[in-house]
Amino acid sequence: MLIEYLPILIFLVFALIFASLMISVGFAAGPSNPDSEKNSPYECGFDPFEDSRMKFDVRYYLVAILFIIFDLEIAFLFPWAVVIHEIGLTGLLAMAIFLLILTVGFIYEWKKGALEWD
C-alpha cells in the first residue's frame, strides 16, 4: 500500500534537494553590494508617508469579504451549469433557492450602506 506513494516521496526529496541547491548557489555566487538607497523602504517612488502598521478602515475589510462571498457564488455556478441537464428540476430549484438567499443578503448589505464608500 505504501509502495504506491514511493514515486511521490522520491519527487519530493528530489525537489527539496534541487531547491536547496539553487538557493545555496544564489547566496554563494550572487553579488552582495547593498547601499543605503537599496536598503531604504520604497513606496511607489516616494518616501514612506507614515508607519506601515497604520489602521485600515473597517469598510475596506467589509468590501473585501463581500467580494469573496459573491466570488464564491460564481464558483458554485460553474459546476452547476455543467451538470444542469443531469440534475434536472431538483438542481434548478436548489440553485434558485441558493441565488435567492444570496440576493436577499446582497440587498440587505446594500440597504445597510455597506457598499457605500464615503
PDB file of N, CA and C in Angstrom:
ATOM      1  N   MET A   1       0.817  -1.196   0.000  1.00  0.00           N
ATOM      2  CA  MET A   1       0.000   0.000   0.000  1.00  0.00           C
ATOM      3  C   MET A   1       0.862   1.262   0.000  1.00  0.00           C
ATOM      4  N   LEU A   2       1.848   1.309   0.884  1.00  0.00           N
ATOM      5  CA  LEU A   2       2.695   2.492   0.944  1.00  0.00           C
ATOM      6  C   LEU A   2       3.654   2.578  -0.231  1.00  0.00           C
ATOM      7  N   ILE A   3       3.897   1.455  -0.910  1.00  0.00           N
ATOM      8  CA  ILE A   3       4.801   1.459  -2.052  1.00  0.00           C
ATOM      9  C   ILE A   3       4.247   2.305  -3.194  1.00  0.00           C
ATOM     10  N   GLU A   4       2.933   2.513  -3.210  1.00  0.00           N
ATOM     11  CA  GLU A   4       2.320   3.343  -4.244  1.00  0.00           C
ATOM     12  C   GLU A   4       2.716   4.820  -4.103  1.00  0.00           C
ATOM     13  N   TYR A   5       3.089   5.217  -2.903  1.00  0.00           N
ATOM     14  CA  TYR A   5       3.467   6.602  -2.651  1.00  0.00           C
ATOM     15  C   TYR A   5       4.967   6.833  -2.818  1.00  0.00           C
ATOM     16  N   LEU A   6       5.719   5.803  -3.153  1.00  0.00           N
ATOM     17  CA  LEU A   6       7.160   5.932  -3.305  1.00  0.00           C
ATOM     18  C   LEU A   6       7.554   6.936  -4.397  1.00  0.00           C
ATOM     19  N   PRO A   7       6.924   6.972  -5.570  1.00  0.00           N
ATOM     20  CA  PRO A   7       7.300   7.996  -6.561  1.00  0.00           C
ATOM     21  C   PRO A   7       7.076   9.423  -6.057  1.00  0.00           C
ATOM     22  N   ILE A   8       6.032   9.627  -5.282  1.00  0.00           N
ATOM     23  CA  ILE A   8       5.779  10.963  -4.724  1.00  0.00           C
ATOM     24  C   ILE A   8       6.876  11.339  -3.737  1.00  0.00           C
ATOM     25  N   LEU A   9       7.272  10.379  -2.903  1.00  0.00           N
ATOM     26  CA  LEU A   9       8.338  10.632  -1.940  1.00  0.00           C
ATOM     27  C   LEU A   9       9.652  10.940  -2.658  1.00  0.00           C
ATOM     28  N   ILE A  10       9.959  10.178  -3.684  1.00  0.00           N
ATOM     29  CA  ILE A  10      11.186  10.427  -4.450  1.00  0.00           C
ATOM     30  C   ILE A  10      11.137  11.818  -5.088  1.00  0.00           C
ATOM     31  N   PHE A  11       9.995  12.178  -5.646  1.00  0.00           N
ATOM     32  CA  PHE A  11       9.852  13.502  -6.256  1.00  0.00           C
ATOM     33  C   PHE A  11      10.034  14.608  -5.220  1.00  0.00           C
ATOM     34  N   LEU A  12       9.441  14.468  -4.035  1.00  0.00           N
ATOM     35  CA  LEU A  12       9.574  15.492  -3.001  1.00  0.00           C
ATOM     36  C   LEU A  12      11.019  15.634  -2.529  1.00  0.00           C
ATOM     37  N   VAL A  13      11.698  14.501  -2.346  1.00  0.00           N
ATOM     38  CA  VAL A  13      13.094  14.553  -1.920  1.00  0.00           C
ATOM     39  C   VAL A  13      13.941  15.235  -2.996  1.00  0.00           C
ATOM     40  N   PHE A  14      13.731  14.862  -4.254  1.00  0.00           N
ATOM     41  CA  PHE A  14      14.466  15.487  -5.352  1.00  0.00           C
ATOM     42  C   PHE A  14      14.180  16.988  -5.411  1.00  0.00           C
ATOM     43  N   ALA A  15      12.916  17.378  -5.244  1.00  0.00           N
ATOM     44  CA  ALA A  15      12.556  18.794  -5.297  1.00  0.00           C
ATOM     45  C   ALA A  15      13.213  19.569  -4.157  1.00  0.00           C
ATOM     46  N   LEU A  16      13.232  19.015  -2.952  1.00  0.00           N
ATOM     47  CA  LEU A  16      13.870  19.701  -1.815  1.00  0.00           C
ATOM     48  C   LEU A  16      15.373  19.842  -2.028  1.00  0.00           C
ATOM     49  N   ILE A  17      16.011  18.788  -2.530  1.00  0.00           N
ATOM     50  CA  ILE A  17      17.447  18.856  -2.780  1.00  0.00           C
ATOM     51  C   ILE A  17      17.740  19.894  -3.863  1.00  0.00           C
ATOM     52  N   PHE A  18      16.987  19.872  -4.947  1.00  0.00           N
ATOM     53  CA  PHE A  18      17.202  20.806  -6.048  1.00  0.00           C
ATOM     54  C   PHE A  18      16.955  22.245  -5.601  1.00  0.00           C
ATOM     55  N   ALA A  19      15.875  22.486  -4.845  1.00  0.00           N
ATOM     56  CA  ALA A  19      15.578  23.839  -4.373  1.00  0.00           C
ATOM     57  C   ALA A  19      16.658  24.332  -3.419  1.00  0.00           C
ATOM     58  N   SER A  20      17.114  23.473  -2.521  1.00  0.00           N
ATOM     59  CA  SER A  20      18.182  23.864  -1.592  1.00  0.00           C
ATOM     60  C   SER A  20      19.474  24.181  -2.331  1.00  0.00           C
ATOM     61  N   LEU A  21      19.770  23.380  -3.356  1.00  0.00           N
ATOM     62  CA  LEU A  21      20.969  23.624  -4.146  1.00  0.00           C
ATOM     63  C   LEU A  21      20.886  24.961  -4.876  1.00  0.00           C
ATOM     64  N   MET A  22      19.756  25.271  -5.467  1.00  0.00           N
ATOM     65  CA  MET A  22      19.605  26.527  -6.204  1.00  0.00           C
ATOM     66  C   MET A  22      19.682  27.735  -5.278  1.00  0.00           C
ATOM     67  N   ILE A  23      19.075  27.646  -4.112  1.00  0.00           N
ATOM     68  CA  ILE A  23      19.145  28.753  -3.152  1.00  0.00           C
ATOM     69  C   ILE A  23      20.570  28.943  -2.647  1.00  0.00           C
ATOM     70  N   SER A  24      21.256  27.836  -2.388  1.00  0.00           N
ATOM     71  CA  SER A  24      22.648  27.920  -1.923  1.00  0.00           C
ATOM     72  C   SER A  24      23.548  28.556  -2.976  1.00  0.00           C
ATOM     73  N   VAL A  25      23.377  28.156  -4.242  1.00  0.00           N
ATOM     74  CA  VAL A  25      24.173  28.738  -5.317  1.00  0.00           C
ATOM     75  C   VAL A  25      23.871  30.229  -5.450  1.00  0.00           C
ATOM     76  N   GLY A  26      22.622  30.599  -5.304  1.00  0.00           N
ATOM     77  CA  GLY A  26      22.259  32.010  -5.389  1.00  0.00           C
ATOM     78  C   GLY A  26      22.901  32.845  -4.303  1.00  0.00           C
ATOM     79  N   PHE A  27      22.918  32.322  -3.085  1.00  0.00           N
ATOM     80  CA  PHE A  27      23.544  33.071  -1.995  1.00  0.00           C
ATOM     81  C   PHE A  27      25.066  33.093  -2.132  1.00  0.00           C
ATOM     82  N   ALA A  28      25.646  31.996  -2.584  1.00  0.00           N
ATOM     83  CA  ALA A  28      27.108  31.911  -2.667  1.00  0.00           C
ATOM     84  C   ALA A  28      27.663  32.705  -3.844  1.00  0.00           C
ATOM     85  N   ALA A  29      27.026  32.623  -4.998  1.00  0.00           N
ATOM     86  CA  ALA A  29      27.586  33.232  -6.202  1.00  0.00           C
ATOM     87  C   ALA A  29      27.001  34.602  -6.522  1.00  0.00           C
ATOM     88  N   GLY A  30      25.905  34.961  -5.879  1.00  0.00           N
ATOM     89  CA  GLY A  30      25.261  36.227  -6.194  1.00  0.00           C
ATOM     90  C   GLY A  30      25.991  37.420  -5.602  1.00  0.00           C
ATOM     91  N   PRO A  31      25.911  38.570  -6.273  1.00  0.00           N
ATOM     92  CA  PRO A  31      26.578  39.761  -5.741  1.00  0.00           C
ATOM     93  C   PRO A  31      25.851  40.276  -4.490  1.00  0.00           C
ATOM     94  N   SER A  32      26.632  40.788  -3.583  1.00  0.00           N
ATOM     95  CA  SER A  32      26.064  41.350  -2.359  1.00  0.00           C
ATOM     96  C   SER A  32      26.704  42.709  -2.119  1.00  0.00           C
ATOM     97  N   ASN A  33      26.131  43.731  -2.717  1.00  0.00           N
ATOM     98  CA  ASN A  33      26.671  45.081  -2.540  1.00  0.00           C
ATOM     99  C   ASN A  33      25.532  46.058  -2.270  1.00  0.00           C
ATOM    100  N   PRO A  34      24.844  45.899  -1.140  1.00  0.00           N
ATOM    101  CA  PRO A  34      23.753  46.829  -0.848  1.00  0.00           C
ATOM    102  C   PRO A  34      24.289  48.194  -0.433  1.00  0.00           C
ATOM    103  N   ASP A  35      23.576  49.234  -0.849  1.00  0.00           N
ATOM    104  CA  ASP A  35      23.886  50.576  -0.396  1.00  0.00           C
ATOM    105  C   ASP A  35      22.668  51.133   0.337  1.00  0.00           C
ATOM    106  N   SER A  36      22.773  52.339   0.808  1.00  0.00           N
ATOM    107  CA  SER A  36      21.682  52.907   1.614  1.00  0.00           C
ATOM    108  C   SER A  36      20.405  53.060   0.792  1.00  0.00           C
ATOM    109  N   GLU A  37      20.537  53.365  -0.506  1.00  0.00           N
ATOM    110  CA  GLU A  37      19.355  53.527  -1.356  1.00  0.00           C
ATOM    111  C   GLU A  37      18.638  52.203  -1.584  1.00  0.00           C
ATOM    112  N   LYS A  38      19.414  51.129  -1.733  1.00  0.00           N
ATOM    113  CA  LYS A  38      18.823  49.818  -1.968  1.00  0.00           C
ATOM    114  C   LYS A  38      18.118  49.286  -0.717  1.00  0.00           C
ATOM    115  N   ASN A  39      18.635  49.605   0.436  1.00  0.00           N
ATOM    116  CA  ASN A  39      18.052  49.126   1.683  1.00  0.00           C
ATOM    117  C   ASN A  39      16.946  50.024   2.226  1.00  0.00           C
ATOM    118  N   SER A  40      16.686  51.154   1.581  1.00  0.00           N
ATOM    119  CA  SER A  40      15.662  52.070   2.090  1.00  0.00           C
ATOM    120  C   SER A  40      14.269  51.548   1.751  1.00  0.00           C
ATOM    121  N   PRO A  41      13.274  51.871   2.579  1.00  0.00           N
ATOM    122  CA  PRO A  41      11.901  51.463   2.260  1.00  0.00           C
ATOM    123  C   PRO A  41      11.407  52.162   1.005  1.00  0.00           C
ATOM    124  N   TYR A  42      10.591  51.506   0.249  1.00  0.00           N
ATOM    125  CA  TYR A  42      10.144  52.022  -1.041  1.00  0.00           C
ATOM    126  C   TYR A  42       8.631  52.003  -1.090  1.00  0.00           C
ATOM    127  N   GLU A  43       8.047  53.118  -1.458  1.00  0.00           N
ATOM    128  CA  GLU A  43       6.592  53.202  -1.550  1.00  0.00           C
ATOM    129  C   GLU A  43       6.238  54.008  -2.788  1.00  0.00           C
ATOM    130  N   CYS A  44       6.053  53.349  -3.888  1.00  0.00           N
ATOM    131  CA  CYS A  44       5.611  53.974  -5.142  1.00  0.00           C
ATOM    132  C   CYS A  44       6.529  55.112  -5.588  1.00  0.00           C
ATOM    133  N   GLY A  45       7.797  54.987  -5.350  1.00  0.00           N
ATOM    134  CA  GLY A  45       8.720  56.020  -5.791  1.00  0.00           C
ATOM    135  C   GLY A  45       8.864  57.178  -4.836  1.00  0.00           C
ATOM    136  N   PHE A  46       8.096  57.203  -3.777  1.00  0.00           N
ATOM    137  CA  PHE A  46       8.152  58.283  -2.796  1.00  0.00           C
ATOM    138  C   PHE A  46       8.686  57.745  -1.475  1.00  0.00           C
ATOM    139  N   ASP A  47       9.142  58.640  -0.634  1.00  0.00           N
ATOM    140  CA  ASP A  47       9.476  58.237   0.723  1.00  0.00           C
ATOM    141  C   ASP A  47       8.190  57.843   1.436  1.00  0.00           C
ATOM    142  N   PRO A  48       8.260  56.884   2.355  1.00  0.00           N
ATOM    143  CA  PRO A  48       7.035  56.476   3.060  1.00  0.00           C
ATOM    144  C   PRO A  48       6.432  57.647   3.824  1.00  0.00           C
ATOM    145  N   PHE A  49       5.105  57.745   3.765  1.00  0.00           N
ATOM    146  CA  PHE A  49       4.408  58.854   4.420  1.00  0.00           C
ATOM    147  C   PHE A  49       4.309  58.659   5.927  1.00  0.00           C
ATOM    148  N   GLU A  50       4.005  57.442   6.335  1.00  0.00           N
ATOM    149  CA  GLU A  50       3.838  57.166   7.769  1.00  0.00           C
ATOM    150  C   GLU A  50       4.159  55.717   8.032  1.00  0.00           C
ATOM    151  N   ASP A  51       3.873  55.268   9.231  1.00  0.00           N
ATOM    152  CA  ASP A  51       4.179  53.905   9.636  1.00  0.00           C
ATOM    153  C   ASP A  51       3.386  52.908   8.785  1.00  0.00           C
ATOM    154  N   SER A  52       4.003  51.805   8.427  1.00  0.00           N
ATOM    155  CA  SER A  52       3.328  50.800   7.604  1.00  0.00           C
ATOM    156  C   SER A  52       2.280  50.019   8.392  1.00  0.00           C
ATOM    157  N   ARG A  53       2.271  50.157   9.693  1.00  0.00           N
ATOM    158  CA  ARG A  53       1.297  49.441  10.514  1.00  0.00           C
ATOM    159  C   ARG A  53       0.100  50.325  10.866  1.00  0.00           C
ATOM    160  N   MET A  54      -0.290  51.172   9.927  1.00  0.00           N
ATOM    161  CA  MET A  54      -1.429  52.057  10.188  1.00  0.00           C
ATOM    162  C   MET A  54      -2.729  51.259  10.153  1.00  0.00           C
ATOM    163  N   LYS A  55      -3.758  51.806  10.765  1.00  0.00           N
ATOM    164  CA  LYS A  55      -5.047  51.140  10.821  1.00  0.00           C
ATOM    165  C   LYS A  55      -5.821  51.392   9.537  1.00  0.00           C
ATOM    166  N   PHE A  56      -6.493  50.349   9.063  1.00  0.00           N
ATOM    167  CA  PHE A  56      -7.352  50.472   7.906  1.00  0.00           C
ATOM    168  C   PHE A  56      -8.791  50.603   8.367  1.00  0.00           C
ATOM    169  N   ASP A  57      -9.578  51.257   7.568  1.00  0.00           N
ATOM    170  CA  ASP A  57     -10.994  51.398   7.872  1.00  0.00           C
ATOM    171  C   ASP A  57     -11.680  50.037   7.765  1.00  0.00           C
ATOM    172  N   VAL A  58     -12.658  49.806   8.607  1.00  0.00           N
ATOM    173  CA  VAL A  58     -13.379  48.534   8.616  1.00  0.00           C
ATOM    174  C   VAL A  58     -14.099  48.315   7.292  1.00  0.00           C
ATOM    175  N   ARG A  59     -14.490  49.384   6.629  1.00  0.00           N
ATOM    176  CA  ARG A  59     -15.211  49.245   5.357  1.00  0.00           C
ATOM    177  C   ARG A  59     -14.357  48.548   4.309  1.00  0.00           C
ATOM    178  N   TYR A  60     -13.048  48.716   4.382  1.00  0.00           N
ATOM    179  CA  TYR A  60     -12.157  48.028   3.445  1.00  0.00           C
ATOM    180  C   TYR A  60     -12.304  46.522   3.591  1.00  0.00           C
ATOM    181  N   TYR A  61     -12.295  46.042   4.822  1.00  0.00           N
ATOM    182  CA  TYR A  61     -12.424  44.607   5.061  1.00  0.00           C
ATOM    183  C   TYR A  61     -13.822  44.121   4.701  1.00  0.00           C
ATOM    184  N   LEU A  62     -14.824  44.934   4.954  1.00  0.00           N
ATOM    185  CA  LEU A  62     -16.196  44.551   4.633  1.00  0.00           C
ATOM    186  C   LEU A  62     -16.378  44.384   3.126  1.00  0.00           C
ATOM    187  N   VAL A  63     -15.843  45.303   2.364  1.00  0.00           N
ATOM    188  CA  VAL A  63     -15.937  45.187   0.899  1.00  0.00           C
ATOM    189  C   VAL A  63     -15.151  43.968   0.429  1.00  0.00           C
ATOM    190  N   ALA A  64     -14.006  43.691   1.033  1.00  0.00           N
ATOM    191  CA  ALA A  64     -13.214  42.519   0.651  1.00  0.00           C
ATOM    192  C   ALA A  64     -13.980  41.228   0.947  1.00  0.00           C
ATOM    193  N   ILE A  65     -14.629  41.151   2.094  1.00  0.00           N
ATOM    194  CA  ILE A  65     -15.408  39.961   2.446  1.00  0.00           C
ATOM    195  C   ILE A  65     -16.598  39.808   1.512  1.00  0.00           C
ATOM    196  N   LEU A  66     -17.259  40.904   1.188  1.00  0.00           N
ATOM    197  CA  LEU A  66     -18.387  40.830   0.248  1.00  0.00           C
ATOM    198  C   LEU A  66     -17.922  40.357  -1.123  1.00  0.00           C
ATOM    199  N   PHE A  67     -16.758  40.820  -1.548  1.00  0.00           N
ATOM    200  CA  PHE A  67     -16.223  40.355  -2.832  1.00  0.00           C
ATOM    201  C   PHE A  67     -15.973  38.852  -2.796  1.00  0.00           C
ATOM    202  N   ILE A  68     -15.398  38.355  -1.719  1.00  0.00           N
ATOM    203  CA  ILE A  68     -15.124  36.924  -1.614  1.00  0.00           C
ATOM    204  C   ILE A  68     -16.421  36.125  -1.634  1.00  0.00           C
ATOM    205  N   ILE A  69     -17.438  36.605  -0.920  1.00  0.00           N
ATOM    206  CA  ILE A  69     -18.715  35.893  -0.889  1.00  0.00           C
ATOM    207  C   ILE A  69     -19.316  35.798  -2.281  1.00  0.00           C
ATOM    208  N   PHE A  70     -19.367  36.901  -3.006  1.00  0.00           N
ATOM    209  CA  PHE A  70     -20.002  36.871  -4.318  1.00  0.00           C
ATOM    210  C   PHE A  70     -19.087  36.244  -5.371  1.00  0.00           C
ATOM    211  N   ASP A  71     -17.801  36.195  -5.117  1.00  0.00           N
ATOM    212  CA  ASP A  71     -16.900  35.472  -5.997  1.00  0.00           C
ATOM    213  C   ASP A  71     -17.118  33.971  -5.832  1.00  0.00           C
ATOM    214  N   LEU A  72     -17.343  33.528  -4.609  1.00  0.00           N
ATOM    215  CA  LEU A  72     -17.631  32.109  -4.376  1.00  0.00           C
ATOM    216  C   LEU A  72     -18.965  31.703  -4.978  1.00  0.00           C
ATOM    217  N   GLU A  73     -19.882  32.642  -5.068  1.00  0.00           N
ATOM    218  CA  GLU A  73     -21.159  32.342  -5.723  1.00  0.00           C
ATOM    219  C   GLU A  73     -20.908  31.908  -7.163  1.00  0.00           C
ATOM    220  N   ILE A  74     -20.048  32.602  -7.845  1.00  0.00           N
ATOM    221  CA  ILE A  74     -19.719  32.239  -9.221  1.00  0.00           C
ATOM    222  C   ILE A  74     -19.023  30.887  -9.266  1.00  0.00           C
ATOM    223  N   ALA A  75     -18.194  30.602  -8.275  1.00  0.00           N
ATOM    224  CA  ALA A  75     -17.512  29.306  -8.231  1.00  0.00           C
ATOM    225  C   ALA A  75     -18.508  28.159  -8.080  1.00  0.00           C
ATOM    226  N   PHE A  76     -19.645  28.405  -7.433  1.00  0.00           N
ATOM    227  CA  PHE A  76     -20.676  27.374  -7.324  1.00  0.00           C
ATOM    228  C   PHE A  76     -21.548  27.304  -8.571  1.00  0.00           C
ATOM    229  N   LEU A  77     -21.642  28.387  -9.312  1.00  0.00           N
ATOM    230  CA  LEU A  77     -22.488  28.397 -10.504  1.00  0.00           C
ATOM    231  C   LEU A  77     -21.887  27.621 -11.670  1.00  0.00           C
ATOM    232  N   PHE A  78     -20.588  27.629 -11.832  1.00  0.00           N
ATOM    233  CA  PHE A  78     -19.973  26.949 -12.966  1.00  0.00           C
ATOM    234  C   PHE A  78     -20.194  25.437 -12.947  1.00  0.00           C
ATOM    235  N   PRO A  79     -19.891  24.731 -11.851  1.00  0.00           N
ATOM    236  CA  PRO A  79     -20.139  23.278 -11.866  1.00  0.00           C
ATOM    237  C   PRO A  79     -21.629  22.961 -12.016  1.00  0.00           C
ATOM    238  N   TRP A  80     -22.468  23.789 -11.434  1.00  0.00           N
ATOM    239  CA  TRP A  80     -23.911  23.575 -11.560  1.00  0.00           C
ATOM    240  C   TRP A  80     -24.342  23.709 -13.018  1.00  0.00           C
ATOM    241  N   ALA A  81     -23.803  24.686 -13.731  1.00  0.00           N
ATOM    242  CA  ALA A  81     -24.168  24.888 -15.125  1.00  0.00           C
ATOM    243  C   ALA A  81     -23.702  23.740 -16.006  1.00  0.00           C
ATOM    244  N   VAL A  82     -22.612  23.096 -15.634  1.00  0.00           N
ATOM    245  CA  VAL A  82     -22.099  21.976 -16.430  1.00  0.00           C
ATOM    246  C   VAL A  82     -23.014  20.763 -16.330  1.00  0.00           C
ATOM    247  N   VAL A  83     -23.580  20.514 -15.153  1.00  0.00           N
ATOM    248  CA  VAL A  83     -24.392  19.303 -14.952  1.00  0.00           C
ATOM    249  C   VAL A  83     -25.886  19.597 -14.860  1.00  0.00           C
ATOM    250  N   ILE A  84     -26.335  20.727 -15.364  1.00  0.00           N
ATOM    251  CA  ILE A  84     -27.738  21.110 -15.225  1.00  0.00           C
ATOM    252  C   ILE A  84     -28.668  20.100 -15.891  1.00  0.00           C
ATOM    253  N   HIS A  85     -28.250  19.501 -16.996  1.00  0.00           N
ATOM    254  CA  HIS A  85     -29.121  18.538 -17.683  1.00  0.00           C
ATOM    255  C   HIS A  85     -29.248  17.235 -16.897  1.00  0.00           C
ATOM    256  N   GLU A  86     -28.262  16.903 -16.102  1.00  0.00           N
ATOM    257  CA  GLU A  86     -28.292  15.652 -15.342  1.00  0.00           C
ATOM    258  C   GLU A  86     -29.045  15.783 -14.029  1.00  0.00           C
ATOM    259  N   ILE A  87     -29.035  16.956 -13.408  1.00  0.00           N
ATOM    260  CA  ILE A  87     -29.665  17.097 -12.090  1.00  0.00           C
ATOM    261  C   ILE A  87     -31.131  17.510 -12.183  1.00  0.00           C
ATOM    262  N   GLY A  88     -31.549  17.996 -13.316  1.00  0.00           N
ATOM    263  CA  GLY A  88     -32.961  18.253 -13.566  1.00  0.00           C
ATOM    264  C   GLY A  88     -33.568  19.369 -12.739  1.00  0.00           C
ATOM    265  N   LEU A  89     -34.867  19.214 -12.484  1.00  0.00           N
ATOM    266  CA  LEU A  89     -35.643  20.249 -11.805  1.00  0.00           C
ATOM    267  C   LEU A  89     -35.204  20.434 -10.352  1.00  0.00           C
ATOM    268  N   THR A  90     -34.786  19.361  -9.692  1.00  0.00           N
ATOM    269  CA  THR A  90     -34.337  19.461  -8.299  1.00  0.00           C
ATOM    270  C   THR A  90     -33.108  20.359  -8.188  1.00  0.00           C
ATOM    271  N   GLY A  91     -32.152  20.185  -9.085  1.00  0.00           N
ATOM    272  CA  GLY A  91     -30.962  21.028  -9.085  1.00  0.00           C
ATOM    273  C   GLY A  91     -31.279  22.473  -9.417  1.00  0.00           C
ATOM    274  N   LEU A  92     -32.236  22.665 -10.331  1.00  0.00           N
ATOM    275  CA  LEU A  92     -32.643  24.027 -10.686  1.00  0.00           C
ATOM    276  C   LEU A  92     -33.276  24.732  -9.501  1.00  0.00           C
ATOM    277  N   LEU A  93     -34.133  24.040  -8.777  1.00  0.00           N
ATOM    278  CA  LEU A  93     -34.773  24.637  -7.595  1.00  0.00           C
ATOM    279  C   LEU A  93     -33.760  24.906  -6.484  1.00  0.00           C
ATOM    280  N   ALA A  94     -32.827  23.983  -6.298  1.00  0.00           N
ATOM    281  CA  ALA A  94     -31.800  24.190  -5.268  1.00  0.00           C
ATOM    282  C   ALA A  94     -30.950  25.420  -5.583  1.00  0.00           C
ATOM    283  N   MET A  95     -30.575  25.572  -6.850  1.00  0.00           N
ATOM    284  CA  MET A  95     -29.767  26.743  -7.218  1.00  0.00           C
ATOM    285  C   MET A  95     -30.593  28.018  -7.146  1.00  0.00           C
ATOM    286  N   ALA A  96     -31.882  27.933  -7.460  1.00  0.00           N
ATOM    287  CA  ALA A  96     -32.739  29.113  -7.352  1.00  0.00           C
ATOM    288  C   ALA A  96     -32.833  29.569  -5.893  1.00  0.00           C
ATOM    289  N   ILE A  97     -32.959  28.623  -4.977  1.00  0.00           N
ATOM    290  CA  ILE A  97     -33.005  28.966  -3.551  1.00  0.00           C
ATOM    291  C   ILE A  97     -31.668  29.569  -3.105  1.00  0.00           C
ATOM    292  N   PHE A  98     -30.570  28.973  -3.569  1.00  0.00           N
ATOM    293  CA  PHE A  98     -29.235  29.487  -3.235  1.00  0.00           C
ATOM    294  C   PHE A  98     -29.074  30.926  -3.724  1.00  0.00           C
ATOM    295  N   LEU A  99     -29.459  31.183  -4.965  1.00  0.00           N
ATOM    296  CA  LEU A  99     -29.345  32.531  -5.512  1.00  0.00           C
ATOM    297  C   LEU A  99     -30.294  33.507  -4.828  1.00  0.00           C
ATOM    298  N   LEU A 100     -31.465  33.033  -4.436  1.00  0.00           N
ATOM    299  CA  LEU A 100     -32.414  33.887  -3.719  1.00  0.00           C
ATOM    300  C   LEU A 100     -31.833  34.321  -2.371  1.00  0.00           C
ATOM    301  N   ILE A 101     -31.224  33.398  -1.658  1.00  0.00           N
ATOM    302  CA  ILE A 101     -30.614  33.727  -0.365  1.00  0.00           C
ATOM    303  C   ILE A 101     -29.479  34.732  -0.554  1.00  0.00           C
ATOM    304  N   LEU A 102     -28.644  34.526  -1.575  1.00  0.00           N
ATOM    305  CA  LEU A 102     -27.563  35.478  -1.832  1.00  0.00           C
ATOM    306  C   LEU A 102     -28.096  36.842  -2.255  1.00  0.00           C
ATOM    307  N   THR A 103     -29.168  36.863  -3.023  1.00  0.00           N
ATOM    308  CA  THR A 103     -29.754  38.132  -3.447  1.00  0.00           C
ATOM    309  C   THR A 103     -30.334  38.886  -2.257  1.00  0.00           C
ATOM    310  N   VAL A 104     -30.994  38.177  -1.372  1.00  0.00           N
ATOM    311  CA  VAL A 104     -31.535  38.814  -0.162  1.00  0.00           C
ATOM    312  C   VAL A 104     -30.394  39.381   0.687  1.00  0.00           C
ATOM    313  N   GLY A 105     -29.293  38.633   0.822  1.00  0.00           N
ATOM    314  CA  GLY A 105     -28.138  39.126   1.572  1.00  0.00           C
ATOM    315  C   GLY A 105     -27.513  40.347   0.916  1.00  0.00           C
ATOM    316  N   PHE A 106     -27.451  40.334  -0.412  1.00  0.00           N
ATOM    317  CA  PHE A 106     -26.890  41.478  -1.137  1.00  0.00           C
ATOM    318  C   PHE A 106     -27.760  42.719  -0.956  1.00  0.00           C
ATOM    319  N   ILE A 107     -29.071  42.564  -1.041  1.00  0.00           N
ATOM    320  CA  ILE A 107     -29.981  43.697  -0.846  1.00  0.00           C
ATOM    321  C   ILE A 107     -29.879  44.228   0.575  1.00  0.00           C
ATOM    322  N   TYR A 108     -29.760  43.326   1.556  1.00  0.00           N
ATOM    323  CA  TYR A 108     -29.598  43.740   2.949  1.00  0.00           C
ATOM    324  C   TYR A 108     -28.328  44.580   3.119  1.00  0.00           C
ATOM    325  N   GLU A 109     -27.214  44.092   2.558  1.00  0.00           N
ATOM    326  CA  GLU A 109     -25.963  44.841   2.657  1.00  0.00           C
ATOM    327  C   GLU A 109     -26.057  46.186   1.944  1.00  0.00           C
ATOM    328  N   TRP A 110     -26.742  46.213   0.842  1.00  0.00           N
ATOM    329  CA  TRP A 110     -26.908  47.453   0.076  1.00  0.00           C
ATOM    330  C   TRP A 110     -27.710  48.468   0.879  1.00  0.00           C
ATOM    331  N   LYS A 111     -28.821  48.009   1.495  1.00  0.00           N
ATOM    332  CA  LYS A 111     -29.670  48.906   2.288  1.00  0.00           C
ATOM    333  C   LYS A 111     -28.960  49.395   3.548  1.00  0.00           C
ATOM    334  N   LYS A 112     -28.079  48.567   4.120  1.00  0.00           N
ATOM    335  CA  LYS A 112     -27.333  48.964   5.305  1.00  0.00           C
ATOM    336  C   LYS A 112     -26.214  49.957   4.969  1.00  0.00           C
ATOM    337  N   GLY A 113     -25.901  50.124   3.674  1.00  0.00           N
ATOM    338  CA  GLY A 113     -24.861  51.057   3.271  1.00  0.00           C
ATOM    339  C   GLY A 113     -23.460  50.481   3.291  1.00  0.00           C
ATOM    340  N   ALA A 114     -23.345  49.154   3.295  1.00  0.00           N
ATOM    341  CA  ALA A 114     -22.030  48.529   3.348  1.00  0.00           C
ATOM    342  C   ALA A 114     -21.251  48.744   2.058  1.00  0.00           C
ATOM    343  N   LEU A 115     -21.938  49.011   0.973  1.00  0.00           N
ATOM    344  CA  LEU A 115     -21.256  49.192  -0.318  1.00  0.00           C
ATOM    345  C   LEU A 115     -20.936  50.655  -0.600  1.00  0.00           C
ATOM    346  N   GLU A 116     -21.334  51.554   0.269  1.00  0.00           N
ATOM    347  CA  GLU A 116     -21.033  52.977   0.085  1.00  0.00           C
ATOM    348  C   GLU A 116     -19.627  53.267   0.563  1.00  0.00           C
ATOM    349  N   TRP A 117     -18.866  53.977  -0.209  1.00  0.00           N
ATOM    350  CA  TRP A 117     -17.502  54.349   0.154  1.00  0.00           C
ATOM    351  C   TRP A 117     -17.428  55.868   0.207  1.00  0.00           C
ATOM    352  N   ASP A 118     -17.536  56.415   1.400  1.00  0.00           N
ATOM    353  CA  ASP A 118     -17.568  57.878   1.581  1.00  0.00           C
ATOM    354  C   ASP A 118     -16.199  58.484   1.427  1.00  0.00           C
TER     355      ASP A 118
END
